C-alpha atoms as a PDB file:
ATOM      1  CA  MET A   1       0.000   0.000   0.000  1.00  0.00           C
ATOM      2  CA  LEU A   2       2.771   2.471   0.932  1.00  0.00           C
ATOM      3  CA  ARG A   3       4.732   1.586  -2.243  1.00  0.00           C
ATOM      4  CA  THR A   4       1.617   2.278  -4.380  1.00  0.00           C
ATOM      5  CA  PHE A   5       1.037   5.563  -2.547  1.00  0.00           C
ATOM      6  CA  GLN A   6       4.632   6.653  -3.174  1.00  0.00           C
ATOM      7  CA  ASN A   7       4.558   5.668  -6.854  1.00  0.00           C
ATOM      8  CA  GLN A   8       1.330   7.573  -7.446  1.00  0.00           C
ATOM      9  CA  SER A   9       2.754  10.663  -5.748  1.00  0.00           C
ATOM     10  CA  LEU A  10       5.914  10.513  -7.857  1.00  0.00           C
ATOM     11  CA  LEU A  11       4.002  10.084 -11.126  1.00  0.00           C
ATOM     12  CA  VAL A  12       1.668  12.967 -10.302  1.00  0.00           C
ATOM     13  CA  PHE A  13       4.656  15.141  -9.396  1.00  0.00           C
ATOM     14  CA  LEU A  14       6.428  14.383 -12.681  1.00  0.00           C
ATOM     15  CA  LEU A  15       3.343  14.965 -14.823  1.00  0.00           C
ATOM     16  CA  LEU A  16       2.545  18.258 -13.099  1.00  0.00           C
ATOM     17  CA  THR A  17       6.161  19.442 -13.236  1.00  0.00           C
ATOM     18  CA  PHE A  18       6.611  18.763 -16.947  1.00  0.00           C
ATOM     19  CA  ALA A  19       3.192  20.200 -17.828  1.00  0.00           C
ATOM     20  CA  PHE A  20       3.720  23.365 -15.783  1.00  0.00           C
ATOM     21  CA  SER A  21       7.275  24.076 -16.938  1.00  0.00           C
ATOM     22  CA  TRP A  22       6.760  23.199 -20.583  1.00  0.00           C
ATOM     23  CA  CYS A  23       3.692  25.424 -20.906  1.00  0.00           C
ATOM     24  CA  PHE A  24       6.187  28.297 -20.511  1.00  0.00           C
ATOM     25  CA  TRP A  25       9.277  26.763 -22.104  1.00  0.00           C
ATOM     26  CA  ILE A  26       7.764  25.428 -25.324  1.00  0.00           C
ATOM     27  CA  PRO A  27       6.566  28.944 -26.266  1.00  0.00           C
ATOM     28  CA  ALA A  28      10.057  30.204 -25.342  1.00  0.00           C
ATOM     29  CA  ALA A  29      11.635  27.667 -27.699  1.00  0.00           C
ATOM     30  CA  LEU A  30       9.230  28.608 -30.493  1.00  0.00           C
ATOM     31  CA  LEU A  31       9.654  32.353 -30.004  1.00  0.00           C
ATOM     32  CA  PHE A  32      13.388  32.635 -29.376  1.00  0.00           C
ATOM     33  CA  ARG A  33      15.030  29.680 -31.092  1.00  0.00           C
ATOM     34  CA  GLY A  34      17.938  31.003 -33.121  1.00  0.00           C
ATOM     35  CA  GLU A  35      17.902  34.417 -31.424  1.00  0.00           C
ATOM     36  CA  LEU A  36      19.876  33.571 -28.271  1.00  0.00           C
ATOM     37  CA  GLN A  37      23.183  32.523 -29.811  1.00  0.00           C
ATOM     38  CA  GLY A  38      25.728  35.211 -29.000  1.00  0.00           C
ATOM     39  CA  GLN A  39      23.069  37.313 -27.276  1.00  0.00           C
ATOM     40  CA  ALA A  40      22.946  38.252 -23.601  1.00  0.00           C
ATOM     41  CA  VAL A  41      19.748  36.712 -22.281  1.00  0.00           C
ATOM     42  CA  TRP A  42      19.413  39.690 -19.910  1.00  0.00           C
ATOM     43  CA  SER A  43      18.587  41.850 -22.931  1.00  0.00           C
ATOM     44  CA  MET A  44      15.519  39.700 -23.640  1.00  0.00           C
ATOM     45  CA  PRO A  45      13.055  40.217 -20.751  1.00  0.00           C
ATOM     46  CA  ARG A  46      10.329  38.022 -22.261  1.00  0.00           C
ATOM     47  CA  MET A  47      12.735  35.087 -22.433  1.00  0.00           C
ATOM     48  CA  ILE A  48      13.817  35.686 -18.838  1.00  0.00           C
ATOM     49  CA  LEU A  49      10.178  35.757 -17.715  1.00  0.00           C
ATOM     50  CA  LEU A  50       9.246  32.525 -19.498  1.00  0.00           C
ATOM     51  CA  GLN A  51      12.402  30.751 -18.342  1.00  0.00           C
ATOM     52  CA  THR A  52      11.920  31.818 -14.717  1.00  0.00           C
ATOM     53  CA  LEU A  53       8.239  30.895 -14.568  1.00  0.00           C
ATOM     54  CA  GLY A  54       8.976  27.440 -15.944  1.00  0.00           C
ATOM     55  CA  ALA A  55      11.878  26.884 -13.565  1.00  0.00           C
ATOM     56  CA  VAL A  56       9.561  27.196 -10.555  1.00  0.00           C
ATOM     57  CA  GLY A  57       7.787  23.990 -11.584  1.00  0.00           C
ATOM     58  CA  PRO A  58       9.673  21.266  -9.654  1.00  0.00           C
ATOM     59  CA  SER A  59       9.669  22.861  -6.199  1.00  0.00           C
ATOM     60  CA  LEU A  60       6.162  24.277  -6.603  1.00  0.00           C
ATOM     61  CA  MET A  61       4.693  20.968  -7.735  1.00  0.00           C
ATOM     62  CA  ALA A  62       6.451  19.076  -4.937  1.00  0.00           C
ATOM     63  CA  PHE A  63       4.700  21.267  -2.382  1.00  0.00           C
ATOM     64  CA  VAL A  64       1.393  20.934  -4.256  1.00  0.00           C
ATOM     65  CA  VAL A  65       1.609  17.129  -4.222  1.00  0.00           C
ATOM     66  CA  VAL A  66       2.673  16.940  -0.573  1.00  0.00           C
ATOM     67  CA  TRP A  67      -0.129  19.331   0.405  1.00  0.00           C
ATOM     68  CA  SER A  68      -2.744  17.379  -1.555  1.00  0.00           C
ATOM     69  CA  ARG A  69      -1.614  14.053  -0.094  1.00  0.00           C
ATOM     70  CA  SER A  70      -0.780  14.988   3.496  1.00  0.00           C
ATOM     71  CA  GLY A  71      -2.101  18.476   4.174  1.00  0.00           C
ATOM     72  CA  PRO A  72      -0.315  21.262   6.071  1.00  0.00           C
ATOM     73  CA  ALA A  73       1.264  18.813   8.515  1.00  0.00           C
ATOM     74  CA  GLY A  74       2.824  16.942   5.611  1.00  0.00           C
ATOM     75  CA  VAL A  75       4.265  20.148   4.172  1.00  0.00           C
ATOM     76  CA  ARG A  76       5.794  21.036   7.532  1.00  0.00           C
ATOM     77  CA  ALA A  77       7.264  17.539   7.855  1.00  0.00           C
ATOM     78  CA  PHE A  78       8.584  17.721   4.278  1.00  0.00           C
ATOM     79  CA  VAL A  79      10.412  20.999   4.912  1.00  0.00           C
ATOM     80  CA  HIS A  80      11.644  19.964   8.368  1.00  0.00           C
ATOM     81  CA  ARG A  81      12.970  16.632   7.137  1.00  0.00           C
ATOM     82  CA  GLY A  82      14.814  18.360   4.306  1.00  0.00           C
ATOM     83  CA  PHE A  83      16.992  20.209   6.793  1.00  0.00           C
ATOM     84  CA  GLN A  84      17.918  17.202   8.901  1.00  0.00           C
ATOM     85  CA  GLY A  85      21.134  15.336   8.226  1.00  0.00           C
ATOM     86  CA  ARG A  86      24.761  16.375   7.920  1.00  0.00           C
ATOM     87  CA  PRO A  87      25.082  19.918   6.524  1.00  0.00           C
ATOM     88  CA  GLY A  88      28.873  19.729   6.884  1.00  0.00           C
ATOM     89  CA  TRP A  89      28.963  18.572   3.270  1.00  0.00           C
ATOM     90  CA  TRP A  90      28.148  22.124   2.181  1.00  0.00           C
ATOM     91  CA  LEU A  91      31.812  22.947   1.465  1.00  0.00           C
ATOM     92  CA  ALA A  92      32.219  20.023  -0.939  1.00  0.00           C
ATOM     93  CA  GLY A  93      28.925  21.042  -2.486  1.00  0.00           C
ATOM     94  CA  CYS A  94      30.207  24.560  -3.076  1.00  0.00           C
ATOM     95  CA  LEU A  95      33.552  23.602  -4.580  1.00  0.00           C
ATOM     96  CA  LEU A  96      33.319  20.348  -6.549  1.00  0.00           C
ATOM     97  CA  VAL A  97      31.788  21.441  -9.871  1.00  0.00           C
ATOM     98  CA  PRO A  98      33.536  24.862 -10.018  1.00  0.00           C
ATOM     99  CA  ALA A  99      36.845  23.100  -9.327  1.00  0.00           C
ATOM    100  CA  LEU A 100      36.197  20.700 -12.207  1.00  0.00           C
ATOM    101  CA  ALA A 101      35.271  23.629 -14.470  1.00  0.00           C
ATOM    102  CA  LEU A 102      38.444  25.548 -13.602  1.00  0.00           C
ATOM    103  CA  LEU A 103      40.532  22.400 -14.071  1.00  0.00           C
ATOM    104  CA  ALA A 104      39.017  22.062 -17.551  1.00  0.00           C
ATOM    105  CA  VAL A 105      40.007  25.677 -18.281  1.00  0.00           C
ATOM    106  CA  MET A 106      43.621  24.919 -17.330  1.00  0.00           C
ATOM    107  CA  LEU A 107      43.716  21.653 -19.292  1.00  0.00           C
ATOM    108  CA  HIS A 108      42.608  23.173 -22.601  1.00  0.00           C
ATOM    109  CA  PRO A 109      45.965  24.833 -23.462  1.00  0.00           C
ATOM    110  CA  LEU A 110      47.857  21.752 -22.238  1.00  0.00           C
ATOM    111  CA  LEU A 111      45.858  19.465 -24.505  1.00  0.00           C
ATOM    112  CA  ASP A 112      46.071  21.873 -27.441  1.00  0.00           C
ATOM    113  CA  PRO A 113      48.999  24.362 -27.392  1.00  0.00           C
ATOM    114  CA  ALA A 114      47.271  26.386 -30.128  1.00  0.00           C
ATOM    115  CA  TYR A 115      44.099  26.728 -28.060  1.00  0.00           C
ATOM    116  CA  VAL A 116      42.687  30.246 -27.669  1.00  0.00           C
ATOM    117  CA  MET A 117      39.780  30.908 -25.327  1.00  0.00           C
ATOM    118  CA  PRO A 118      36.716  31.812 -27.449  1.00  0.00           C
ATOM    119  CA  ASP A 119      35.582  35.440 -27.370  1.00  0.00           C
ATOM    120  CA  ASP A 120      32.122  34.383 -26.178  1.00  0.00           C
ATOM    121  CA  ALA A 121      33.495  32.277 -23.299  1.00  0.00           C
ATOM    122  CA  PRO A 122      31.680  33.317 -20.093  1.00  0.00           C
ATOM    123  CA  LEU A 123      34.974  33.402 -18.192  1.00  0.00           C
ATOM    124  CA  LYS A 124      36.874  35.596 -20.663  1.00  0.00           C
ATOM    125  CA  PRO A 125      35.432  39.040 -19.741  1.00  0.00           C
ATOM    126  CA  MET A 126      35.814  38.244 -16.040  1.00  0.00           C
ATOM    127  CA  LEU A 127      39.499  37.402 -16.457  1.00  0.00           C
ATOM    128  CA  ARG A 128      40.014  40.520 -18.542  1.00  0.00           C
ATOM    129  CA  ASP A 129      38.327  42.814 -16.013  1.00  0.00           C
ATOM    130  CA  ILE A 130      39.254  41.373 -12.605  1.00  0.00           C
ATOM    131  CA  GLY A 131      41.777  38.566 -13.223  1.00  0.00           C
ATOM    132  CA  TRP A 132      41.996  35.210 -11.487  1.00  0.00           C
ATOM    133  CA  THR A 133      42.261  36.818  -8.052  1.00  0.00           C
ATOM    134  CA  GLY A 134      39.045  38.731  -8.599  1.00  0.00           C
ATOM    135  CA  VAL A 135      37.270  35.653  -9.945  1.00  0.00           C
ATOM    136  CA  LEU A 136      38.159  33.650  -6.830  1.00  0.00           C
ATOM    137  CA  LEU A 137      37.338  36.492  -4.422  1.00  0.00           C
ATOM    138  CA  THR A 138      33.915  37.130  -5.950  1.00  0.00           C
ATOM    139  CA  PHE A 139      33.049  33.424  -6.125  1.00  0.00           C
ATOM    140  CA  PRO A 140      31.269  33.286  -2.704  1.00  0.00           C
ATOM    141  CA  MET A 141      29.014  36.232  -3.598  1.00  0.00           C
ATOM    142  CA  VAL A 142      28.218  34.834  -7.036  1.00  0.00           C
ATOM    143  CA  LEU A 143      27.479  31.435  -5.505  1.00  0.00           C
ATOM    144  CA  LEU A 144      25.157  32.878  -2.866  1.00  0.00           C
ATOM    145  CA  SER A 145      23.244  34.872  -5.463  1.00  0.00           C
ATOM    146  CA  GLN A 146      22.747  31.704  -7.509  1.00  0.00           C
ATOM    147  CA  VAL A 147      21.112  29.835  -4.599  1.00  0.00           C
ATOM    148  CA  PHE A 148      18.040  32.047  -4.876  1.00  0.00           C
ATOM    149  CA  SER A 149      17.515  31.308  -8.565  1.00  0.00           C
ATOM    150  CA  SER A 150      17.089  27.862 -10.128  1.00  0.00           C
ATOM    151  CA  PRO A 151      18.331  25.843  -7.101  1.00  0.00           C
ATOM    152  CA  LEU A 152      15.517  27.108  -4.880  1.00  0.00           C
ATOM    153  CA  MET A 153      13.025  26.780  -7.735  1.00  0.00           C
ATOM    154  CA  GLU A 154      13.988  23.180  -8.513  1.00  0.00           C
ATOM    155  CA  GLU A 155      15.650  21.289  -5.687  1.00  0.00           C
ATOM    156  CA  PHE A 156      12.728  20.759  -3.322  1.00  0.00           C
ATOM    157  CA  GLY A 157      11.220  18.910  -6.267  1.00  0.00           C
ATOM    158  CA  TRP A 158      14.139  16.974  -7.755  1.00  0.00           C
ATOM    159  CA  ARG A 159      16.341  16.083  -4.792  1.00  0.00           C
ATOM    160  CA  GLY A 160      13.847  16.827  -1.996  1.00  0.00           C
ATOM    161  CA  PHE A 161      10.862  14.924  -3.391  1.00  0.00           C
ATOM    162  CA  ALA A 162      11.622  12.810  -6.471  1.00  0.00           C
ATOM    163  CA  LEU A 163      14.997  11.316  -5.528  1.00  0.00           C
ATOM    164  CA  PRO A 164      13.921   9.769  -2.189  1.00  0.00           C
ATOM    165  CA  HIS A 165      10.889   8.216  -3.917  1.00  0.00           C
ATOM    166  CA  LEU A 166      13.059   6.811  -6.708  1.00  0.00           C
ATOM    167  CA  GLN A 167      15.682   5.461  -4.294  1.00  0.00           C
ATOM    168  CA  VAL A 168      13.048   3.528  -2.353  1.00  0.00           C
ATOM    169  CA  ARG A 169      12.113   1.637  -5.506  1.00  0.00           C
ATOM    170  CA  PHE A 170      15.293   1.460  -7.592  1.00  0.00           C
ATOM    171  CA  GLY A 171      18.230   1.876  -5.212  1.00  0.00           C
ATOM    172  CA  ALA A 172      20.643   4.775  -5.069  1.00  0.00           C
ATOM    173  CA  LEU A 173      22.649   4.579  -8.300  1.00  0.00           C
ATOM    174  CA  VAL A 174      19.804   3.677 -10.665  1.00  0.00           C
ATOM    175  CA  ALA A 175      17.550   6.271  -9.021  1.00  0.00           C
ATOM    176  CA  ASN A 176      20.119   9.005  -9.604  1.00  0.00           C
ATOM    177  CA  LEU A 177      20.556   7.899 -13.226  1.00  0.00           C
ATOM    178  CA  ILE A 178      16.792   8.017 -13.778  1.00  0.00           C
ATOM    179  CA  LEU A 179      16.560  11.422 -12.136  1.00  0.00           C
ATOM    180  CA  GLY A 180      19.432  12.696 -14.281  1.00  0.00           C
ATOM    181  CA  VAL A 181      17.624  11.609 -17.455  1.00  0.00           C
ATOM    182  CA  LEU A 182      14.369  13.197 -16.275  1.00  0.00           C
ATOM    183  CA  TRP A 183      16.203  16.381 -15.322  1.00  0.00           C
ATOM    184  CA  GLY A 184      17.894  16.584 -18.709  1.00  0.00           C
ATOM    185  CA  VAL A 185      14.720  15.892 -20.713  1.00  0.00           C
ATOM    186  CA  TRP A 186      12.841  18.458 -18.597  1.00  0.00           C
ATOM    187  CA  HIS A 187      15.324  21.078 -19.853  1.00  0.00           C
ATOM    188  CA  LEU A 188      14.822  20.072 -23.510  1.00  0.00           C
ATOM    189  CA  PRO A 189      12.773  23.140 -24.586  1.00  0.00           C
ATOM    190  CA  LEU A 190      15.471  25.423 -23.144  1.00  0.00           C
ATOM    191  CA  VAL A 191      18.196  23.435 -24.898  1.00  0.00           C
ATOM    192  CA  ILE A 192      16.313  23.992 -28.161  1.00  0.00           C
ATOM    193  CA  ALA A 193      15.778  27.680 -27.386  1.00  0.00           C
ATOM    194  CA  TYR A 194      19.498  28.229 -26.753  1.00  0.00           C
ATOM    195  CA  GLY A 195      20.518  26.171 -29.773  1.00  0.00           C
ATOM    196  CA  ASP A 196      22.642  23.697 -27.795  1.00  0.00           C
ATOM    197  CA  ALA A 197      23.395  20.137 -28.886  1.00  0.00           C
ATOM    198  CA  PHE A 198      21.284  17.841 -26.713  1.00  0.00           C
ATOM    199  CA  GLY A 199      23.730  14.899 -26.660  1.00  0.00           C
ATOM    200  CA  PRO A 200      26.692  16.687 -25.012  1.00  0.00           C
ATOM    201  CA  TYR A 201      24.283  18.583 -22.755  1.00  0.00           C
ATOM    202  CA  MET A 202      22.733  15.309 -21.597  1.00  0.00           C
ATOM    203  CA  LEU A 203      26.125  13.751 -20.867  1.00  0.00           C
ATOM    204  CA  LEU A 204      27.106  16.735 -18.736  1.00  0.00           C
ATOM    205  CA  ILE A 205      23.851  17.064 -16.823  1.00  0.00           C
ATOM    206  CA  LEU A 206      23.751  13.300 -16.161  1.00  0.00           C
ATOM    207  CA  ALA A 207      27.260  13.375 -14.679  1.00  0.00           C
ATOM    208  CA  ASN A 208      26.324  16.378 -12.564  1.00  0.00           C
ATOM    209  CA  ALA A 209      23.119  14.699 -11.415  1.00  0.00           C
ATOM    210  CA  LEU A 210      25.172  11.735 -10.184  1.00  0.00           C
ATOM    211  CA  LEU A 211      27.654  13.977  -8.363  1.00  0.00           C
ATOM    212  CA  MET A 212      24.800  15.957  -6.805  1.00  0.00           C
ATOM    213  CA  GLY A 213      23.098  12.740  -5.749  1.00  0.00           C
ATOM    214  CA  PHE A 214      26.291  11.447  -4.138  1.00  0.00           C
ATOM    215  CA  LEU A 215      26.780  14.647  -2.118  1.00  0.00           C
ATOM    216  CA  PHE A 216      23.078  14.805  -1.218  1.00  0.00           C
ATOM    217  CA  ASN A 217      23.038  11.195   0.003  1.00  0.00           C
ATOM    218  CA  SER A 218      26.326  11.664   1.875  1.00  0.00           C
ATOM    219  CA  SER A 219      24.801  14.629   3.715  1.00  0.00           C
ATOM    220  CA  GLY A 220      21.873  12.507   4.872  1.00  0.00           C
ATOM    221  CA  GLY A 221      19.546  14.260   2.436  1.00  0.00           C
ATOM    222  CA  HIS A 222      20.177  17.828   3.588  1.00  0.00           C
ATOM    223  CA  MET A 223      18.517  20.390   1.314  1.00  0.00           C
ATOM    224  CA  LEU A 224      21.159  23.043   2.030  1.00  0.00           C
ATOM    225  CA  VAL A 225      23.715  20.779   0.368  1.00  0.00           C
ATOM    226  CA  ALA A 226      21.429  20.211  -2.631  1.00  0.00           C
ATOM    227  CA  LEU A 227      20.874  23.956  -3.020  1.00  0.00           C
ATOM    228  CA  LEU A 228      24.578  24.759  -2.796  1.00  0.00           C
ATOM    229  CA  VAL A 229      25.612  21.985  -5.198  1.00  0.00           C
ATOM    230  CA  HIS A 230      23.065  23.203  -7.749  1.00  0.00           C
ATOM    231  CA  ALA A 231      24.217  26.809  -7.286  1.00  0.00           C
ATOM    232  CA  SER A 232      27.853  25.796  -7.692  1.00  0.00           C
ATOM    233  CA  MET A 233      26.914  23.864 -10.821  1.00  0.00           C
ATOM    234  CA  ASN A 234      25.354  27.022 -12.264  1.00  0.00           C
ATOM    235  CA  VAL A 235      28.554  28.926 -11.500  1.00  0.00           C
ATOM    236  CA  GLY A 236      30.824  26.207 -12.844  1.00  0.00           C
ATOM    237  CA  LEU A 237      28.907  25.580 -16.067  1.00  0.00           C
ATOM    238  CA  ASN A 238      27.677  29.082 -16.881  1.00  0.00           C
ATOM    239  CA  ILE A 239      30.365  31.411 -15.493  1.00  0.00           C
ATOM    240  CA  PHE A 240      33.651  29.524 -15.015  1.00  0.00           C
ATOM    241  CA  SER A 241      33.370  27.584 -18.278  1.00  0.00           C
ATOM    242  CA  VAL A 242      35.058  28.397 -21.579  1.00  0.00           C
ATOM    243  CA  GLU A 243      32.279  27.011 -23.770  1.00  0.00           C
ATOM    244  CA  ARG A 244      28.812  25.536 -23.428  1.00  0.00           C
ATOM    245  CA  ASN A 245      28.930  21.763 -22.849  1.00  0.00           C
ATOM    246  CA  ASP A 246      32.736  21.802 -22.782  1.00  0.00           C
ATOM    247  CA  PRO A 247      33.945  18.294 -23.817  1.00  0.00           C
ATOM    248  CA  VAL A 248      36.933  18.475 -21.446  1.00  0.00           C
ATOM    249  CA  LEU A 249      34.590  19.255 -18.558  1.00  0.00           C
ATOM    250  CA  ILE A 250      32.300  16.394 -19.593  1.00  0.00           C
ATOM    251  CA  VAL A 251      35.215  13.934 -19.437  1.00  0.00           C
ATOM    252  CA  LEU A 252      36.431  15.291 -16.081  1.00  0.00           C
ATOM    253  CA  SER A 253      32.927  15.061 -14.617  1.00  0.00           C
ATOM    254  CA  TRP A 254      32.546  11.424 -15.652  1.00  0.00           C
ATOM    255  CA  VAL A 255      36.013  10.569 -14.338  1.00  0.00           C
ATOM    256  CA  CYS A 256      34.917  12.032 -11.000  1.00  0.00           C
ATOM    257  CA  VAL A 257      31.722   9.941 -11.097  1.00  0.00           C
ATOM    258  CA  LEU A 258      33.729   6.766 -11.759  1.00  0.00           C
ATOM    259  CA  VAL A 259      36.102   7.551  -8.887  1.00  0.00           C
ATOM    260  CA  VAL A 260      33.123   7.989  -6.548  1.00  0.00           C
ATOM    261  CA  LEU A 261      31.627   4.679  -7.690  1.00  0.00           C
ATOM    262  CA  TRP A 262      34.951   2.861  -7.305  1.00  0.00           C
ATOM    263  CA  ARG A 263      35.575   4.286  -3.834  1.00  0.00           C
ATOM    264  CA  PHE A 264      32.099   4.211  -2.284  1.00  0.00           C
ATOM    265  CA  GLY A 265      30.036   1.786  -4.364  1.00  0.00           C
ATOM    266  CA  ALA A 266      26.591   1.935  -5.912  1.00  0.00           C
ATOM    267  CA  ARG A 267      24.362   0.556  -3.140  1.00  0.00           C
ATOM    268  CA  ASP A 268      24.076   3.695  -1.033  1.00  0.00           C
ATOM    269  CA  PHE A 269      25.988   6.009  -3.397  1.00  0.00           C
ATOM    270  CA  ALA A 270      27.192   7.890  -0.325  1.00  0.00           C
ATOM    271  CA  VAL A 271      30.130   8.032   2.067  1.00  0.00           C
ATOM    272  CA  ARG A 272      27.951   6.563   4.822  1.00  0.00           C
ATOM    273  CA  PRO A 273      24.801   4.415   4.594  1.00  0.00           C
ATOM    274  CA  ARG A 274      22.193   6.765   3.192  1.00  0.00           C
ATOM    275  CA  VAL A 275      19.134   7.819   5.134  1.00  0.00           C
ATOM    276  CA  GLN A 276      15.991   5.870   4.227  1.00  0.00           C
ATOM    277  CA  TRP A 277      13.196   8.409   4.399  1.00  0.00           C
ATOM    278  CA  SER A 278       9.643   7.528   5.306  1.00  0.00           C
ATOM    279  CA  TRP A 279       6.687   9.382   3.814  1.00  0.00           C
ATOM    280  CA  PRO A 280       3.612  10.647   5.646  1.00  0.00           C
ATOM    281  CA  GLU A 281       0.425   8.759   4.926  1.00  0.00           C
ATOM    282  CA  LYS A 282      -2.416  10.575   3.254  1.00  0.00           C
ATOM    283  CA  GLU A 283      -4.522  12.475   5.764  1.00  0.00           C
ATOM    284  CA  LYS A 284      -7.899  10.936   6.412  1.00  0.00           C
ATOM    285  CA  PRO A 285     -10.928  13.197   5.884  1.00  0.00           C
END
């Protein structure tokens, strides 16, 4: 009975999340496809509005489903449980993906002596204006500002709600792989709008989903860690990178995933045995 209840909740969450987000993102893809390459998205307020409204979907729908199934008490338990665990993993959450991104930046000229950083590389104007010292000093402020964007809009849904449900049924590694695929496909209209290649994007987001899942499970399911890892991923992929879906970064990310699997295994996909969360039963009328 509990397994059926959990599966129904997860399916409803996924259907609502995709429907809500895509009702904003499909129009964005139709309206702005081909216009965003080489353009600063900040100069396109309609695109920002559609992208932001769609991004709210996962966290919003998680709260909607929990409320509909368990009422206000369930929502309180959902939020409270999300901040139990071991928040000491926050530092690893802040640094892992940006460190991989910066390592990729340094490897490019070593792998190709003729390599020149592209003019549209997100990192290039920062290095020109403030240098490496400035980039590192401003990193904490940039990271903190990112927490209040897509991480807060998404993570109560993906890592807070969907991942624990998936891990109950499929185990840790397979659950994180499934979530990574869902997460990548959910972004598909935005990938089309920005004109990115979906294959490399999917490889990168799947590796990052696995790394996020490992850190989240190692923290005992602490939402602060999930929020910070997602924020650091935004910084690493969108600010510290030299190109979108950088192939060097993709390889480094998967090497890191393989090291984690070799060292800690797939059963719990965590440094310690992961927390098995229970879910509140549906409130009786």
